[in-house]
Amino acid sequence: MANINDIIGQLVNSAAGKVEIPANLKDQVLGGLSSSILGSLTQTASKAGGLDEIKNLLTGKADAATSGITALAGNLFNKNVLSKLNLGSLAPVLAGLIPGIMGKLSGFLKDQDGDGDVDLNDIILSLKGGSGAGAGLLGAATSILGGLFGKKN
């Protein structure tokens, strides 16, 4: 199974493929969309009740269009990307891609460890990208935290 970074990248490329983005800005826009979505998930995970919000969004229990995670991704994209690029009427079109991308993430999270429910271990396994060497709770947490702080394991 692909990890969430790969899936976000694929969804961003698919959604943005329908929009004519200036060639000289395409990498910035696509990277900005991906990093804004991942950033909203990361920031949400670090706040009280955030893992439940992520769980509800990624299992399809929360509506992506009205999710605070989606709104945060939009705010991050506007602040960190769109405000710095002169895209004119294209800016709202690009920002409008975020709810659709977040909606396609719905259902990403499933029972990964076979215990019959979706819990913290499943979230970590999904974010890491499945099972295998080091995919247990400790290995995944180390990988995710290392990624957040810029260290490689």
Protein backbone atom coordinates (compact mmCIF):
# COMPACT_ATOMS: atom_id res chain seq x y z
CA MET A 1 0.00 0.00 0.00
CA ALA A 2 1.25 3.48 -0.84
CA ASN A 3 1.79 5.92 1.98
CA ILE A 4 -0.31 9.03 2.40
CA ASN A 5 2.34 11.30 0.83
CA ASP A 6 2.22 9.23 -2.36
CA ILE A 7 -1.56 9.17 -2.40
CA ILE A 8 -1.82 12.93 -1.83
CA GLY A 9 0.67 13.51 -4.65
CA GLN A 10 -1.32 11.29 -7.02
CA LEU A 11 -4.60 12.99 -6.13
CA VAL A 12 -3.08 16.46 -6.53
CA ASN A 13 -1.61 15.58 -9.93
CA SER A 14 -4.91 14.08 -11.07
CA ALA A 15 -7.01 17.05 -9.91
CA ALA A 16 -4.58 19.68 -11.17
CA GLY A 17 -4.24 17.91 -14.51
CA LYS A 18 -7.56 19.45 -15.50
CA VAL A 19 -6.29 22.99 -14.84
CA GLU A 20 -3.95 24.92 -17.13
CA ILE A 21 -1.19 25.96 -14.73
CA PRO A 22 1.63 28.07 -16.17
CA ALA A 23 4.57 25.74 -16.80
CA ASN A 24 7.00 27.89 -14.82
CA LEU A 25 4.77 27.68 -11.72
CA LYS A 26 3.44 24.14 -12.00
CA ASP A 27 5.95 22.52 -9.62
CA GLN A 28 5.36 25.24 -7.00
CA VAL A 29 1.59 24.90 -7.27
CA LEU A 30 1.54 21.08 -7.15
CA GLY A 31 4.07 20.98 -4.33
CA GLY A 32 2.14 23.67 -2.49
CA LEU A 33 -1.12 21.76 -2.77
CA SER A 34 0.50 18.57 -1.49
CA SER A 35 2.35 20.24 1.35
CA SER A 36 -0.73 22.23 2.40
CA ILE A 37 -2.83 19.07 2.63
CA LEU A 38 -0.14 17.15 4.49
CA GLY A 39 0.50 20.21 6.70
CA SER A 40 -3.16 20.39 7.66
CA LEU A 41 -3.11 16.72 8.65
CA THR A 42 0.12 17.20 10.62
CA GLN A 43 -1.14 20.30 12.44
CA THR A 44 -4.44 18.62 13.21
CA ALA A 45 -2.67 15.54 14.57
CA SER A 46 -0.74 17.69 17.03
CA LYS A 47 -3.80 19.29 18.65
CA ALA A 48 -6.15 17.86 21.26
CA GLY A 49 -8.75 15.66 19.56
CA GLY A 50 -6.91 15.94 16.28
CA LEU A 51 -6.40 12.23 15.74
CA ASP A 52 -10.14 11.68 16.03
CA GLU A 53 -10.72 14.42 13.43
CA ILE A 54 -8.24 12.74 11.08
CA LYS A 55 -9.75 9.34 11.75
CA ASN A 56 -13.26 10.63 10.99
CA LEU A 57 -12.10 12.32 7.79
CA LEU A 58 -10.00 9.44 6.49
CA THR A 59 -12.60 6.77 7.30
CA GLY A 60 -15.37 8.78 5.63
CA LYS A 61 -17.30 9.55 8.84
CA ALA A 62 -16.74 13.32 8.39
CA ASP A 63 -17.68 15.36 5.32
CA ALA A 64 -14.47 16.54 3.67
CA ALA A 65 -16.15 19.67 2.31
CA THR A 66 -17.00 20.95 5.80
CA SER A 67 -14.01 19.52 7.66
CA GLY A 68 -11.74 21.82 9.62
CA ILE A 69 -8.82 19.88 8.17
CA THR A 70 -9.92 20.85 4.66
CA ALA A 71 -10.35 24.48 5.70
CA LEU A 72 -6.88 24.49 7.24
CA ALA A 73 -5.39 23.02 4.05
CA GLY A 74 -7.06 25.80 2.07
CA ASN A 75 -5.75 28.45 4.45
CA LEU A 76 -2.22 27.05 4.27
CA PHE A 77 -2.35 26.93 0.47
CA ASN A 78 -3.64 30.51 0.25
CA LYS A 79 -1.06 31.83 2.72
CA ASN A 80 2.01 29.87 1.63
CA VAL A 81 1.47 29.55 -2.13
CA LEU A 82 -1.28 31.62 -3.70
CA SER A 83 -0.39 34.84 -1.88
CA LYS A 84 3.13 34.60 -3.31
CA LEU A 85 2.22 33.81 -6.91
CA ASN A 86 0.41 36.07 -9.33
CA LEU A 87 -2.18 33.63 -10.66
CA GLY A 88 -5.14 36.00 -10.99
CA SER A 89 -8.39 34.18 -11.73
CA LEU A 90 -6.62 30.82 -11.57
CA ALA A 91 -6.04 31.14 -7.80
CA PRO A 92 -9.63 30.37 -6.71
CA VAL A 93 -9.78 27.48 -9.19
CA LEU A 94 -6.66 25.94 -7.64
CA ALA A 95 -7.87 26.55 -4.08
CA GLY A 96 -11.16 24.93 -5.09
CA LEU A 97 -9.32 21.67 -5.80
CA ILE A 98 -8.59 21.06 -2.11
CA PRO A 99 -12.08 19.90 -0.98
CA GLY A 100 -12.21 17.41 -3.86
CA ILE A 101 -8.77 16.06 -3.07
CA MET A 102 -9.65 15.76 0.62
CA GLY A 103 -12.88 13.99 -0.34
CA LYS A 104 -10.89 11.41 -2.28
CA LEU A 105 -8.77 10.78 0.80
CA SER A 106 -11.96 9.66 2.54
CA GLY A 107 -11.81 5.90 2.92
CA PHE A 108 -7.99 5.88 2.90
CA LEU A 109 -7.90 4.72 6.50
CA LYS A 110 -8.88 1.13 7.12
CA ASP A 111 -8.10 -1.53 9.71
CA GLN A 112 -4.40 -2.18 9.00
CA ASP A 113 -3.46 -4.38 11.93
CA GLY A 114 -6.39 -6.82 11.73
CA ASP A 115 -7.79 -6.11 15.20
CA GLY A 116 -11.26 -5.25 13.87
CA ASP A 117 -11.24 -1.50 14.47
CA VAL A 118 -9.54 1.65 13.23
CA ASP A 119 -7.29 2.95 15.99
CA LEU A 120 -4.07 4.90 16.52
CA ASN A 121 -1.94 2.00 15.30
CA ASP A 122 -3.96 1.89 12.04
CA ILE A 123 -3.51 5.64 11.55
CA ILE A 124 0.23 5.32 12.00
CA LEU A 125 0.44 2.25 9.74
CA SER A 126 -1.56 4.09 7.07
CA LEU A 127 0.57 7.21 7.30
CA LYS A 128 3.72 5.10 7.10
CA GLY A 129 2.50 2.98 4.22
CA GLY A 130 1.53 -0.49 5.40
CA SER A 131 3.20 -3.33 7.18
CA GLY A 132 6.70 -4.71 7.04
CA ALA A 133 9.97 -4.22 8.88
CA GLY A 134 9.62 -1.41 11.38
CA ALA A 135 5.94 -0.90 10.63
CA GLY A 136 4.78 -1.50 14.18
CA LEU A 137 3.68 1.34 16.38
CA LEU A 138 7.19 2.24 17.56
CA GLY A 139 8.80 2.00 14.13
CA ALA A 140 6.07 4.04 12.48
CA ALA A 141 6.05 6.67 15.19
CA THR A 142 9.81 7.01 14.90
CA SER A 143 9.56 7.39 11.14
CA ILE A 144 6.75 9.98 11.29
CA LEU A 145 8.35 11.99 14.07
CA GLY A 146 11.69 11.83 12.32
CA GLY A 147 10.03 13.14 9.18
CA LEU A 148 8.39 15.97 11.09
CA PHE A 149 11.71 17.02 12.56
CA GLY A 150 13.73 16.47 9.39
CA LYS A 151 15.69 13.41 10.53
CA LYS A 152 15.97 10.13 8.67
CA ASN A 153 16.01 6.80 10.47
